[in-house]
Amino acid sequence: MVTIYDVAKKSGFSSTTVSKALNNYSDVSEKTKKKILETAAEMGYLPNAHAQYLSTKKSWTLGVMFSEANEVGMKHPFFSAVIESFRKYAERGGYDLILASRNLRTRDTSYLEHFLHRAVDGVIVICSDPTDPQVKEIVESELPVIIIDMDHQNCSIVKSDNVEGAKMAVRHLYDLGHTKIAHIAGVRSSDVSNERIRGYEEALKELQLPYNPEYLIDGGLFSIEGGKQAMKRLLDLPETPTSVFVAGDHMAIGAIEAIKEHGLLVPEDISVIGYDDIEMASYITPKLTTIRQDTEEIGKRAAEILIEQINKKNKMIVSERIPVELMIRESCSEPNREKRKK
């Protein structure tokens, strides 16, 4: 087995200098560093990422960037499930992940600079905040990029079929007999939120149901509290809806809490359908009917598309929509007959 001392002997430098070069210390000249790395690669001393890069022209690392306005990151079940799937398929391809630290924002370093310094081969961006200038900087760079949950013209994207998912939710409520269907939307700056709003509005039109602008409520940053406050506003309306399609399961849980605090029952008085199918959805009371996002497939396709770009050494522009599924549980039923008479 080749050691650092073997590399030092062959390159003609001290073991200290070799160690510094292999670990990219700034007090070693580029000329010296280049010679040492080339010697290390020739001798097969490749545990160090820099020497490995010389040998394969890859660092075998992928950068992970979160860009969401609420800064929940991997604490959100959807994001954590997508990243877990992405990690699994990336590792099968021989790649490790580097997660960009949030404290980069407090330092004079951008996410792009950080990833370039770490010599990543590509970047996955988990994004619900399309206004983030650092996302734009990464997209416009030469790095292969894949984005989850955002529309963009200059890079590859994988996302759920949010428009169809919203239509699925409204159709389910309509099939149960509901015509007064409200929607608690996510923050309007999110592409995902706007797609689900579009699906809601298109479904009402296709089903020839009246559109009541008061029934479209902004629930904010997909939080339980945001859903609860939005539902309270719906309950204060002169004519309350008999059902609510909520753009995220966390918000749906908050909506159910608000309904119960108002002295009403779910689904007897108001039916609630969510979006995501987080694990908690099947454990709350009543169990939440929701639209399931296929996080396993989203993560898998993101890894496959990103690795394909890296292997082809060509930045691809691919947009894939992953099908969703209606999960019928206990939170939706036929509308209350007394309410139907009003």
C-alpha atoms as a PDB file:
ATOM      1  CA  MET A   1       0.000   0.000   0.000  1.00  0.00           C
ATOM      2  CA  VAL A   2       1.357   3.413  -1.029  1.00  0.00           C
ATOM      3  CA  THR A   3       1.885   5.806   1.900  1.00  0.00           C
ATOM      4  CA  ILE A   4       2.312   9.552   2.147  1.00  0.00           C
ATOM      5  CA  TYR A   5       6.020   8.947   2.782  1.00  0.00           C
ATOM      6  CA  ASP A   6       6.319   7.059  -0.536  1.00  0.00           C
ATOM      7  CA  VAL A   7       4.772  10.022  -2.324  1.00  0.00           C
ATOM      8  CA  ALA A   8       7.178  12.383  -0.515  1.00  0.00           C
ATOM      9  CA  LYS A   9      10.207  10.319  -1.519  1.00  0.00           C
ATOM     10  CA  LYS A  10       9.235  10.096  -5.188  1.00  0.00           C
ATOM     11  CA  SER A  11       8.133  13.730  -5.530  1.00  0.00           C
ATOM     12  CA  GLY A  12      11.175  15.092  -3.715  1.00  0.00           C
ATOM     13  CA  PHE A  13       9.212  17.056  -1.122  1.00  0.00           C
ATOM     14  CA  SER A  14       8.888  16.614   2.621  1.00  0.00           C
ATOM     15  CA  SER A  15       6.026  14.569   4.035  1.00  0.00           C
ATOM     16  CA  THR A  16       4.680  17.772   5.638  1.00  0.00           C
ATOM     17  CA  THR A  17       4.540  19.542   2.274  1.00  0.00           C
ATOM     18  CA  VAL A  18       2.947  16.500   0.658  1.00  0.00           C
ATOM     19  CA  SER A  19       0.299  16.356   3.397  1.00  0.00           C
ATOM     20  CA  LYS A  20      -0.475  20.048   2.954  1.00  0.00           C
ATOM     21  CA  ALA A  21      -0.737  19.685  -0.830  1.00  0.00           C
ATOM     22  CA  LEU A  22      -3.033  16.675  -0.567  1.00  0.00           C
ATOM     23  CA  ASN A  23      -5.262  18.613   1.819  1.00  0.00           C
ATOM     24  CA  ASN A  24      -5.268  21.751  -0.346  1.00  0.00           C
ATOM     25  CA  TYR A  25      -3.478  24.090   2.082  1.00  0.00           C
ATOM     26  CA  SER A  26      -3.059  27.615   0.722  1.00  0.00           C
ATOM     27  CA  ASP A  27       0.614  27.962   1.771  1.00  0.00           C
ATOM     28  CA  VAL A  28       1.706  25.429  -0.877  1.00  0.00           C
ATOM     29  CA  SER A  29       2.312  26.875  -4.340  1.00  0.00           C
ATOM     30  CA  GLU A  30       0.126  25.712  -7.202  1.00  0.00           C
ATOM     31  CA  LYS A  31       3.188  24.385  -9.041  1.00  0.00           C
ATOM     32  CA  THR A  32       4.265  22.270  -6.063  1.00  0.00           C
ATOM     33  CA  LYS A  33       0.723  21.135  -5.392  1.00  0.00           C
ATOM     34  CA  LYS A  34       0.263  20.061  -9.015  1.00  0.00           C
ATOM     35  CA  LYS A  35       3.444  17.975  -9.007  1.00  0.00           C
ATOM     36  CA  ILE A  36       2.554  16.269  -5.712  1.00  0.00           C
ATOM     37  CA  LEU A  37      -1.017  15.474  -6.793  1.00  0.00           C
ATOM     38  CA  GLU A  38       0.186  14.078 -10.106  1.00  0.00           C
ATOM     39  CA  THR A  39       2.771  11.925  -8.306  1.00  0.00           C
ATOM     40  CA  ALA A  40       0.123  10.682  -5.857  1.00  0.00           C
ATOM     41  CA  ALA A  41      -2.199   9.778  -8.727  1.00  0.00           C
ATOM     42  CA  GLU A  42       0.580   7.974 -10.636  1.00  0.00           C
ATOM     43  CA  MET A  43       1.474   5.920  -7.569  1.00  0.00           C
ATOM     44  CA  GLY A  44      -2.159   5.016  -6.866  1.00  0.00           C
ATOM     45  CA  TYR A  45      -2.360   7.004  -3.643  1.00  0.00           C
ATOM     46  CA  LEU A  46      -5.997   8.006  -4.057  1.00  0.00           C
ATOM     47  CA  PRO A  47      -7.799   8.200  -0.724  1.00  0.00           C
ATOM     48  CA  ASN A  48      -7.502  11.952  -0.906  1.00  0.00           C
ATOM     49  CA  ALA A  49     -10.209  13.671  -2.946  1.00  0.00           C
ATOM     50  CA  HIS A  50      -7.759  15.929  -4.813  1.00  0.00           C
ATOM     51  CA  ALA A  51      -5.612  13.041  -5.989  1.00  0.00           C
ATOM     52  CA  GLN A  52      -8.726  11.094  -6.904  1.00  0.00           C
ATOM     53  CA  TYR A  53      -9.910  14.052  -8.956  1.00  0.00           C
ATOM     54  CA  LEU A  54      -6.668  13.996 -10.958  1.00  0.00           C
ATOM     55  CA  SER A  55      -7.134  10.308 -11.646  1.00  0.00           C
ATOM     56  CA  THR A  56     -10.793  10.317 -12.682  1.00  0.00           C
ATOM     57  CA  LYS A  57     -11.542  14.003 -13.324  1.00  0.00           C
ATOM     58  CA  LYS A  58     -14.347  13.603 -10.776  1.00  0.00           C
ATOM     59  CA  SER A  59     -14.606  14.357  -7.079  1.00  0.00           C
ATOM     60  CA  TRP A  60     -17.438  11.800  -6.726  1.00  0.00           C
ATOM     61  CA  THR A  61     -19.358  14.265  -4.560  1.00  0.00           C
ATOM     62  CA  LEU A  62     -22.703  15.984  -5.135  1.00  0.00           C
ATOM     63  CA  GLY A  63     -23.772  19.220  -3.477  1.00  0.00           C
ATOM     64  CA  VAL A  64     -27.155  19.572  -1.742  1.00  0.00           C
ATOM     65  CA  MET A  65     -28.691  23.046  -1.349  1.00  0.00           C
ATOM     66  CA  PHE A  66     -31.951  23.887   0.412  1.00  0.00           C
ATOM     67  CA  SER A  67     -33.699  27.064  -0.632  1.00  0.00           C
ATOM     68  CA  GLU A  68     -37.023  27.539   1.122  1.00  0.00           C
ATOM     69  CA  ALA A  69     -38.445  30.685   2.619  1.00  0.00           C
ATOM     70  CA  ASN A  70     -39.483  28.964   5.852  1.00  0.00           C
ATOM     71  CA  GLU A  71     -35.991  27.430   6.371  1.00  0.00           C
ATOM     72  CA  VAL A  72     -37.402  24.111   7.557  1.00  0.00           C
ATOM     73  CA  GLY A  73     -34.966  22.114   5.449  1.00  0.00           C
ATOM     74  CA  MET A  74     -34.808  18.379   6.088  1.00  0.00           C
ATOM     75  CA  LYS A  75     -37.156  18.661   9.063  1.00  0.00           C
ATOM     76  CA  HIS A  76     -40.018  18.698   6.545  1.00  0.00           C
ATOM     77  CA  PRO A  77     -41.015  15.069   5.794  1.00  0.00           C
ATOM     78  CA  PHE A  78     -41.301  15.671   2.035  1.00  0.00           C
ATOM     79  CA  PHE A  79     -37.799  17.133   1.722  1.00  0.00           C
ATOM     80  CA  SER A  80     -36.192  14.519   3.977  1.00  0.00           C
ATOM     81  CA  ALA A  81     -37.845  11.671   2.051  1.00  0.00           C
ATOM     82  CA  VAL A  82     -36.701  13.064  -1.325  1.00  0.00           C
ATOM     83  CA  ILE A  83     -33.130  13.531  -0.090  1.00  0.00           C
ATOM     84  CA  GLU A  84     -33.052  10.030   1.404  1.00  0.00           C
ATOM     85  CA  SER A  85     -34.117   8.569  -1.935  1.00  0.00           C
ATOM     86  CA  PHE A  86     -31.638  10.793  -3.804  1.00  0.00           C
ATOM     87  CA  ARG A  87     -28.840   9.750  -1.413  1.00  0.00           C
ATOM     88  CA  LYS A  88     -29.605   6.057  -1.908  1.00  0.00           C
ATOM     89  CA  TYR A  89     -29.460   6.215  -5.698  1.00  0.00           C
ATOM     90  CA  ALA A  90     -26.487   8.607  -5.739  1.00  0.00           C
ATOM     91  CA  GLU A  91     -24.502   6.236  -3.520  1.00  0.00           C
ATOM     92  CA  ARG A  92     -25.282   3.371  -5.872  1.00  0.00           C
ATOM     93  CA  GLY A  93     -23.564   5.479  -8.533  1.00  0.00           C
ATOM     94  CA  GLY A  94     -20.521   5.931  -6.293  1.00  0.00           C
ATOM     95  CA  TYR A  95     -21.275   9.470  -5.065  1.00  0.00           C
ATOM     96  CA  ASP A  96     -21.201  11.060  -1.610  1.00  0.00           C
ATOM     97  CA  LEU A  97     -23.302  14.103  -0.649  1.00  0.00           C
ATOM     98  CA  ILE A  98     -22.162  17.467   0.711  1.00  0.00           C
ATOM     99  CA  LEU A  99     -24.891  19.555   2.367  1.00  0.00           C
ATOM    100  CA  ALA A 100     -24.301  23.294   2.215  1.00  0.00           C
ATOM    101  CA  SER A 101     -24.427  24.795   5.697  1.00  0.00           C
ATOM    102  CA  ARG A 102     -26.939  27.562   6.399  1.00  0.00           C
ATOM    103  CA  ASN A 103     -24.227  29.670   8.041  1.00  0.00           C
ATOM    104  CA  LEU A 104     -22.760  30.265   4.579  1.00  0.00           C
ATOM    105  CA  ARG A 105     -25.336  33.045   4.367  1.00  0.00           C
ATOM    106  CA  THR A 106     -23.696  34.801   7.323  1.00  0.00           C
ATOM    107  CA  ARG A 107     -20.242  34.477   5.809  1.00  0.00           C
ATOM    108  CA  ASP A 108     -18.867  36.169   2.727  1.00  0.00           C
ATOM    109  CA  THR A 109     -19.314  32.955   0.698  1.00  0.00           C
ATOM    110  CA  SER A 110     -22.085  31.983  -1.714  1.00  0.00           C
ATOM    111  CA  TYR A 111     -23.400  28.469  -2.123  1.00  0.00           C
ATOM    112  CA  LEU A 112     -21.859  28.358  -5.593  1.00  0.00           C
ATOM    113  CA  GLU A 113     -18.432  29.403  -4.280  1.00  0.00           C
ATOM    114  CA  HIS A 114     -18.687  26.756  -1.582  1.00  0.00           C
ATOM    115  CA  PHE A 115     -19.561  24.005  -4.053  1.00  0.00           C
ATOM    116  CA  LEU A 116     -16.837  25.065  -6.482  1.00  0.00           C
ATOM    117  CA  HIS A 117     -14.301  25.074  -3.639  1.00  0.00           C
ATOM    118  CA  ARG A 118     -15.388  21.544  -2.709  1.00  0.00           C
ATOM    119  CA  ALA A 119     -15.140  20.573  -6.408  1.00  0.00           C
ATOM    120  CA  VAL A 120     -18.557  18.891  -6.490  1.00  0.00           C
ATOM    121  CA  ASP A 121     -19.526  17.180  -9.731  1.00  0.00           C
ATOM    122  CA  GLY A 122     -23.112  18.436  -9.623  1.00  0.00           C
ATOM    123  CA  VAL A 123     -25.751  20.032  -7.387  1.00  0.00           C
ATOM    124  CA  ILE A 124     -29.306  19.180  -6.358  1.00  0.00           C
ATOM    125  CA  VAL A 125     -31.402  22.159  -5.226  1.00  0.00           C
ATOM    126  CA  ILE A 126     -34.470  21.549  -3.056  1.00  0.00           C
ATOM    127  CA  CYS A 127     -36.409  24.696  -3.764  1.00  0.00           C
ATOM    128  CA  SER A 128     -39.643  26.326  -2.702  1.00  0.00           C
ATOM    129  CA  ASP A 129     -38.182  29.831  -2.886  1.00  0.00           C
ATOM    130  CA  PRO A 130     -37.677  30.788  -6.556  1.00  0.00           C
ATOM    131  CA  THR A 131     -36.787  34.359  -5.515  1.00  0.00           C
ATOM    132  CA  ASP A 132     -33.493  33.210  -3.953  1.00  0.00           C
ATOM    133  CA  PRO A 133     -30.667  34.868  -5.967  1.00  0.00           C
ATOM    134  CA  GLN A 134     -28.279  32.072  -4.952  1.00  0.00           C
ATOM    135  CA  VAL A 135     -30.443  29.554  -6.794  1.00  0.00           C
ATOM    136  CA  LYS A 136     -30.189  31.681  -9.929  1.00  0.00           C
ATOM    137  CA  GLU A 137     -26.400  31.879  -9.518  1.00  0.00           C
ATOM    138  CA  ILE A 138     -26.085  28.084  -9.339  1.00  0.00           C
ATOM    139  CA  VAL A 139     -28.469  27.527 -12.268  1.00  0.00           C
ATOM    140  CA  GLU A 140     -26.498  29.941 -14.453  1.00  0.00           C
ATOM    141  CA  SER A 141     -23.156  28.323 -13.562  1.00  0.00           C
ATOM    142  CA  GLU A 142     -21.449  25.564 -15.552  1.00  0.00           C
ATOM    143  CA  LEU A 143     -22.234  22.968 -12.881  1.00  0.00           C
ATOM    144  CA  PRO A 144     -24.718  20.212 -13.721  1.00  0.00           C
ATOM    145  CA  VAL A 145     -27.870  21.039 -11.712  1.00  0.00           C
ATOM    146  CA  ILE A 146     -31.157  19.353 -10.878  1.00  0.00           C
ATOM    147  CA  ILE A 147     -33.929  21.266  -9.086  1.00  0.00           C
ATOM    148  CA  ILE A 148     -36.805  19.793  -7.091  1.00  0.00           C
ATOM    149  CA  ASP A 149     -40.137  21.649  -7.019  1.00  0.00           C
ATOM    150  CA  MET A 150     -39.454  24.739  -9.127  1.00  0.00           C
ATOM    151  CA  ASP A 151     -39.986  25.792 -12.729  1.00  0.00           C
ATOM    152  CA  HIS A 152     -36.934  27.069 -14.569  1.00  0.00           C
ATOM    153  CA  GLN A 153     -35.878  27.277 -18.206  1.00  0.00           C
ATOM    154  CA  ASN A 154     -32.130  26.809 -17.787  1.00  0.00           C
ATOM    155  CA  CYS A 155     -31.750  23.540 -15.891  1.00  0.00           C
ATOM    156  CA  SER A 156     -33.296  20.148 -15.271  1.00  0.00           C
ATOM    157  CA  ILE A 157     -36.298  19.782 -12.951  1.00  0.00           C
ATOM    158  CA  VAL A 158     -38.120  16.938 -11.238  1.00  0.00           C
ATOM    159  CA  LYS A 159     -41.428  17.629  -9.520  1.00  0.00           C
ATOM    160  CA  SER A 160     -44.804  16.108  -8.733  1.00  0.00           C
ATOM    161  CA  ASP A 161     -47.698  16.669 -11.107  1.00  0.00           C
ATOM    162  CA  ASN A 162     -49.136  19.384  -8.871  1.00  0.00           C
ATOM    163  CA  VAL A 163     -51.860  20.563 -11.255  1.00  0.00           C
ATOM    164  CA  GLU A 164     -53.275  17.063 -11.689  1.00  0.00           C
ATOM    165  CA  GLY A 165     -52.916  16.381  -7.956  1.00  0.00           C
ATOM    166  CA  ALA A 166     -55.028  19.424  -7.120  1.00  0.00           C
ATOM    167  CA  LYS A 167     -57.643  18.390  -9.677  1.00  0.00           C
ATOM    168  CA  MET A 168     -57.682  14.905  -8.149  1.00  0.00           C
ATOM    169  CA  ALA A 169     -58.416  16.401  -4.717  1.00  0.00           C
ATOM    170  CA  VAL A 170     -61.266  18.618  -5.971  1.00  0.00           C
ATOM    171  CA  ARG A 171     -62.792  15.793  -8.028  1.00  0.00           C
ATOM    172  CA  HIS A 172     -62.783  13.512  -4.979  1.00  0.00           C
ATOM    173  CA  LEU A 173     -64.686  16.090  -2.936  1.00  0.00           C
ATOM    174  CA  TYR A 174     -67.099  16.689  -5.814  1.00  0.00           C
ATOM    175  CA  ASP A 175     -67.729  12.948  -6.203  1.00  0.00           C
ATOM    176  CA  LEU A 176     -68.717  12.876  -2.516  1.00  0.00           C
ATOM    177  CA  GLY A 177     -71.311  15.571  -3.244  1.00  0.00           C
ATOM    178  CA  HIS A 178     -69.476  18.765  -2.279  1.00  0.00           C
ATOM    179  CA  THR A 179     -69.992  21.957  -4.271  1.00  0.00           C
ATOM    180  CA  LYS A 180     -68.710  24.477  -1.691  1.00  0.00           C
ATOM    181  CA  ILE A 181     -65.020  23.600  -1.955  1.00  0.00           C
ATOM    182  CA  ALA A 182     -62.391  25.962  -0.510  1.00  0.00           C
ATOM    183  CA  HIS A 183     -58.622  25.894  -0.984  1.00  0.00           C
ATOM    184  CA  ILE A 184     -55.952  26.771   1.577  1.00  0.00           C
ATOM    185  CA  ALA A 185     -52.935  27.537  -0.611  1.00  0.00           C
ATOM    186  CA  GLY A 186     -49.254  27.715   0.197  1.00  0.00           C
ATOM    187  CA  VAL A 187     -47.160  30.868  -0.055  1.00  0.00           C
ATOM    188  CA  ARG A 188     -47.764  32.535  -3.449  1.00  0.00           C
ATOM    189  CA  SER A 189     -44.057  32.963  -4.242  1.00  0.00           C
ATOM    190  CA  SER A 190     -43.797  29.169  -4.572  1.00  0.00           C
ATOM    191  CA  ASP A 191     -44.208  27.562  -8.001  1.00  0.00           C
ATOM    192  CA  VAL A 192     -45.708  24.516  -6.271  1.00  0.00           C
ATOM    193  CA  SER A 193     -48.395  26.648  -4.587  1.00  0.00           C
ATOM    194  CA  ASN A 194     -49.318  28.358  -7.841  1.00  0.00           C
ATOM    195  CA  GLU A 195     -49.608  25.041  -9.683  1.00  0.00           C
ATOM    196  CA  ARG A 196     -51.942  23.658  -7.005  1.00  0.00           C
ATOM    197  CA  ILE A 197     -54.028  26.842  -7.158  1.00  0.00           C
ATOM    198  CA  ARG A 198     -54.208  26.435 -10.927  1.00  0.00           C
ATOM    199  CA  GLY A 199     -55.349  22.838 -10.581  1.00  0.00           C
ATOM    200  CA  TYR A 200     -57.995  23.867  -8.041  1.00  0.00           C
ATOM    201  CA  GLU A 201     -59.356  26.616 -10.291  1.00  0.00           C
ATOM    202  CA  GLU A 202     -59.287  24.463 -13.432  1.00  0.00           C
ATOM    203  CA  ALA A 203     -61.106  21.634 -11.633  1.00  0.00           C
ATOM    204  CA  LEU A 204     -63.890  23.993 -10.504  1.00  0.00           C
ATOM    205  CA  LYS A 205     -64.278  25.178 -14.077  1.00  0.00           C
ATOM    206  CA  GLU A 206     -64.282  21.642 -15.530  1.00  0.00           C
ATOM    207  CA  LEU A 207     -66.886  20.527 -12.979  1.00  0.00           C
ATOM    208  CA  GLN A 208     -68.935  23.687 -13.628  1.00  0.00           C
ATOM    209  CA  LEU A 209     -68.793  24.698  -9.979  1.00  0.00           C
ATOM    210  CA  PRO A 210     -69.062  28.363  -8.965  1.00  0.00           C
ATOM    211  CA  TYR A 211     -65.783  30.098  -8.150  1.00  0.00           C
ATOM    212  CA  ASN A 212     -65.893  32.022  -4.858  1.00  0.00           C
ATOM    213  CA  PRO A 213     -62.749  34.158  -4.413  1.00  0.00           C
ATOM    214  CA  GLU A 214     -63.335  34.150  -0.639  1.00  0.00           C
ATOM    215  CA  TYR A 215     -62.765  30.390  -0.661  1.00  0.00           C
ATOM    216  CA  LEU A 216     -59.157  30.777  -1.838  1.00  0.00           C
ATOM    217  CA  ILE A 217     -57.064  31.525   1.270  1.00  0.00           C
ATOM    218  CA  ASP A 218     -53.289  31.978   1.581  1.00  0.00           C
ATOM    219  CA  GLY A 219     -51.978  29.639   4.283  1.00  0.00           C
ATOM    220  CA  GLY A 220     -48.416  30.924   4.123  1.00  0.00           C
ATOM    221  CA  LEU A 221     -45.334  28.759   4.569  1.00  0.00           C
ATOM    222  CA  PHE A 222     -46.929  25.283   4.674  1.00  0.00           C
ATOM    223  CA  SER A 223     -46.955  25.196   8.487  1.00  0.00           C
ATOM    224  CA  ILE A 224     -49.500  23.791  10.941  1.00  0.00           C
ATOM    225  CA  GLU A 225     -50.095  27.255  12.385  1.00  0.00           C
ATOM    226  CA  GLY A 226     -50.515  28.760   8.908  1.00  0.00           C
ATOM    227  CA  GLY A 227     -53.184  26.183   8.070  1.00  0.00           C
ATOM    228  CA  LYS A 228     -54.947  26.789  11.363  1.00  0.00           C
ATOM    229  CA  GLN A 229     -55.134  30.561  10.875  1.00  0.00           C
ATOM    230  CA  ALA A 230     -56.288  30.182   7.257  1.00  0.00           C
ATOM    231  CA  MET A 231     -59.059  27.799   8.321  1.00  0.00           C
ATOM    232  CA  LYS A 232     -60.212  30.267  10.978  1.00  0.00           C
ATOM    233  CA  ARG A 233     -60.692  32.855   8.227  1.00  0.00           C
ATOM    234  CA  LEU A 234     -62.816  30.403   6.256  1.00  0.00           C
ATOM    235  CA  LEU A 235     -64.911  29.618   9.334  1.00  0.00           C
ATOM    236  CA  ASP A 236     -65.580  33.345   9.800  1.00  0.00           C
ATOM    237  CA  LEU A 237     -67.178  33.665   6.351  1.00  0.00           C
ATOM    238  CA  PRO A 238     -70.968  34.209   6.177  1.00  0.00           C
ATOM    239  CA  GLU A 239     -71.240  31.021   4.100  1.00  0.00           C
ATOM    240  CA  THR A 240     -68.662  28.463   5.213  1.00  0.00           C
ATOM    241  CA  PRO A 241     -67.453  25.784   2.788  1.00  0.00           C
ATOM    242  CA  THR A 242     -68.432  22.149   3.308  1.00  0.00           C
ATOM    243  CA  SER A 243     -64.968  20.955   2.283  1.00  0.00           C
ATOM    244  CA  VAL A 244     -61.405  22.220   2.042  1.00  0.00           C
ATOM    245  CA  PHE A 245     -58.514  21.158  -0.166  1.00  0.00           C
ATOM    246  CA  VAL A 246     -55.298  22.086   1.652  1.00  0.00           C
ATOM    247  CA  ALA A 247     -51.999  22.442  -0.242  1.00  0.00           C
ATOM    248  CA  GLY A 248     -49.913  20.588   2.378  1.00  0.00           C
ATOM    249  CA  ASP A 249     -50.499  17.994   5.088  1.00  0.00           C
ATOM    250  CA  HIS A 250     -49.002  20.148   7.839  1.00  0.00           C
ATOM    251  CA  MET A 251     -51.464  22.922   6.979  1.00  0.00           C
ATOM    252  CA  ALA A 252     -54.276  20.359   6.805  1.00  0.00           C
ATOM    253  CA  ILE A 253     -53.490  19.237  10.367  1.00  0.00           C
ATOM    254  CA  GLY A 254     -53.745  22.884  11.473  1.00  0.00           C
ATOM    255  CA  ALA A 255     -57.038  23.260   9.586  1.00  0.00           C
ATOM    256  CA  ILE A 256     -58.511  20.216  11.346  1.00  0.00           C
ATOM    257  CA  GLU A 257     -57.459  21.654  14.707  1.00  0.00           C
ATOM    258  CA  ALA A 258     -59.202  24.965  13.905  1.00  0.00           C
ATOM    259  CA  ILE A 259     -62.389  23.149  12.864  1.00  0.00           C
ATOM    260  CA  LYS A 260     -62.445  21.157  16.106  1.00  0.00           C
ATOM    261  CA  GLU A 261     -61.810  24.282  18.207  1.00  0.00           C
ATOM    262  CA  HIS A 262     -64.776  25.874  16.419  1.00  0.00           C
ATOM    263  CA  GLY A 263     -67.009  23.099  17.750  1.00  0.00           C
ATOM    264  CA  LEU A 264     -67.349  21.310  14.418  1.00  0.00           C
ATOM    265  CA  LEU A 265     -66.474  17.781  13.338  1.00  0.00           C
ATOM    266  CA  VAL A 266     -64.245  16.420  10.546  1.00  0.00           C
ATOM    267  CA  PRO A 267     -65.575  15.066   8.233  1.00  0.00           C
ATOM    268  CA  GLU A 268     -69.202  15.291   9.442  1.00  0.00           C
ATOM    269  CA  ASP A 269     -69.345  19.103   9.215  1.00  0.00           C
ATOM    270  CA  ILE A 270     -66.346  19.905   7.014  1.00  0.00           C
ATOM    271  CA  SER A 271     -64.272  17.506   4.924  1.00  0.00           C
ATOM    272  CA  VAL A 272     -60.517  18.106   4.670  1.00  0.00           C
ATOM    273  CA  ILE A 273     -58.079  16.733   2.081  1.00  0.00           C
ATOM    274  CA  GLY A 274     -54.336  17.407   2.227  1.00  0.00           C
ATOM    275  CA  TYR A 275     -51.306  17.082  -0.029  1.00  0.00           C
ATOM    276  CA  ASP A 276     -47.989  15.184   0.485  1.00  0.00           C
ATOM    277  CA  ASP A 277     -48.990  12.036   2.421  1.00  0.00           C
ATOM    278  CA  ILE A 278     -46.498  12.539   5.236  1.00  0.00           C
ATOM    279  CA  GLU A 279     -46.234   9.643   7.687  1.00  0.00           C
ATOM    280  CA  MET A 280     -48.277  11.512  10.317  1.00  0.00           C
ATOM    281  CA  ALA A 281     -51.265  11.679   7.931  1.00  0.00           C
ATOM    282  CA  SER A 282     -52.295   8.100   8.670  1.00  0.00           C
ATOM    283  CA  TYR A 283     -51.971   8.503  12.466  1.00  0.00           C
ATOM    284  CA  ILE A 284     -53.943  11.677  13.257  1.00  0.00           C
ATOM    285  CA  THR A 285     -57.658  11.615  14.097  1.00  0.00           C
ATOM    286  CA  PRO A 286     -59.378  11.399  11.724  1.00  0.00           C
ATOM    287  CA  LYS A 287     -56.815   9.797   9.417  1.00  0.00           C
ATOM    288  CA  LEU A 288     -56.100  12.310   6.656  1.00  0.00           C
ATOM    289  CA  THR A 289     -57.254  11.807   3.084  1.00  0.00           C
ATOM    290  CA  THR A 290     -54.483  13.313   0.971  1.00  0.00           C
ATOM    291  CA  ILE A 291     -52.617  13.399  -2.339  1.00  0.00           C
ATOM    292  CA  ARG A 292     -49.492  11.256  -2.130  1.00  0.00           C
ATOM    293  CA  GLN A 293     -46.262  12.524  -3.672  1.00  0.00           C
ATOM    294  CA  ASP A 294     -43.923   9.740  -4.815  1.00  0.00           C
ATOM    295  CA  THR A 295     -40.797  10.913  -2.971  1.00  0.00           C
ATOM    296  CA  GLU A 296     -38.946   7.685  -3.811  1.00  0.00           C
ATOM    297  CA  GLU A 297     -39.363   8.236  -7.561  1.00  0.00           C
ATOM    298  CA  ILE A 298     -38.622  11.968  -7.333  1.00  0.00           C
ATOM    299  CA  GLY A 299     -35.298  11.311  -5.578  1.00  0.00           C
ATOM    300  CA  LYS A 300     -34.423   8.452  -7.908  1.00  0.00           C
ATOM    301  CA  ARG A 301     -35.058  10.418 -11.110  1.00  0.00           C
ATOM    302  CA  ALA A 302     -33.213  13.448  -9.739  1.00  0.00           C
ATOM    303  CA  ALA A 303     -30.141  11.291  -9.070  1.00  0.00           C
ATOM    304  CA  GLU A 304     -30.334   9.564 -12.462  1.00  0.00           C
ATOM    305  CA  ILE A 305     -30.705  12.808 -14.428  1.00  0.00           C
ATOM    306  CA  LEU A 306     -27.926  14.586 -12.519  1.00  0.00           C
ATOM    307  CA  ILE A 307     -25.484  11.670 -12.906  1.00  0.00           C
ATOM    308  CA  GLU A 308     -26.351  11.410 -16.612  1.00  0.00           C
ATOM    309  CA  GLN A 309     -25.412  15.083 -17.042  1.00  0.00           C
ATOM    310  CA  ILE A 310     -22.118  14.504 -15.222  1.00  0.00           C
ATOM    311  CA  ASN A 311     -21.250  11.442 -17.313  1.00  0.00           C
ATOM    312  CA  LYS A 312     -22.125  13.181 -20.589  1.00  0.00           C
ATOM    313  CA  LYS A 313     -20.296  16.347 -19.473  1.00  0.00           C
ATOM    314  CA  ASN A 314     -23.225  18.248 -20.886  1.00  0.00           C
ATOM    315  CA  LYS A 315     -25.725  20.390 -19.007  1.00  0.00           C
ATOM    316  CA  MET A 316     -29.164  18.976 -19.828  1.00  0.00           C
ATOM    317  CA  ILE A 317     -32.549  20.681 -19.674  1.00  0.00           C
ATOM    318  CA  VAL A 318     -35.083  18.011 -18.739  1.00  0.00           C
ATOM    319  CA  SER A 319     -38.433  18.513 -17.003  1.00  0.00           C
ATOM    320  CA  GLU A 320     -40.146  15.511 -15.439  1.00  0.00           C
ATOM    321  CA  ARG A 321     -43.492  15.431 -13.650  1.00  0.00           C
ATOM    322  CA  ILE A 322     -43.951  12.467 -11.347  1.00  0.00           C
ATOM    323  CA  PRO A 323     -47.536  11.119 -11.051  1.00  0.00           C
ATOM    324  CA  VAL A 324     -49.382  11.485  -7.732  1.00  0.00           C
ATOM    325  CA  GLU A 325     -51.950   9.257  -6.023  1.00  0.00           C
ATOM    326  CA  LEU A 326     -55.145   9.848  -4.060  1.00  0.00           C
ATOM    327  CA  MET A 327     -54.973   8.256  -0.590  1.00  0.00           C
ATOM    328  CA  ILE A 328     -58.531   7.869   0.729  1.00  0.00           C
ATOM    329  CA  ARG A 329     -58.798   7.727   4.524  1.00  0.00           C
ATOM    330  CA  GLU A 330     -61.266   9.193   7.035  1.00  0.00           C
ATOM    331  CA  SER A 331     -61.225  13.001   6.760  1.00  0.00           C
ATOM    332  CA  CYS A 332     -63.665  13.286   3.844  1.00  0.00           C
ATOM    333  CA  SER A 333     -67.302  12.249   3.578  1.00  0.00           C
ATOM    334  CA  GLU A 334     -70.575  13.360   2.023  1.00  0.00           C
ATOM    335  CA  PRO A 335     -71.562  16.918   3.023  1.00  0.00           C
ATOM    336  CA  ASN A 336     -73.759  17.411   6.063  1.00  0.00           C
ATOM    337  CA  ARG A 337     -77.408  17.324   4.909  1.00  0.00           C
ATOM    338  CA  GLU A 338     -78.365  20.301   7.060  1.00  0.00           C
ATOM    339  CA  LYS A 339     -75.572  22.343   5.530  1.00  0.00           C
ATOM    340  CA  ARG A 340     -76.679  21.288   2.058  1.00  0.00           C
ATOM    341  CA  LYS A 341     -80.111  22.847   2.641  1.00  0.00           C
ATOM    342  CA  LYS A 342     -78.606  26.278   3.394  1.00  0.00           C
END
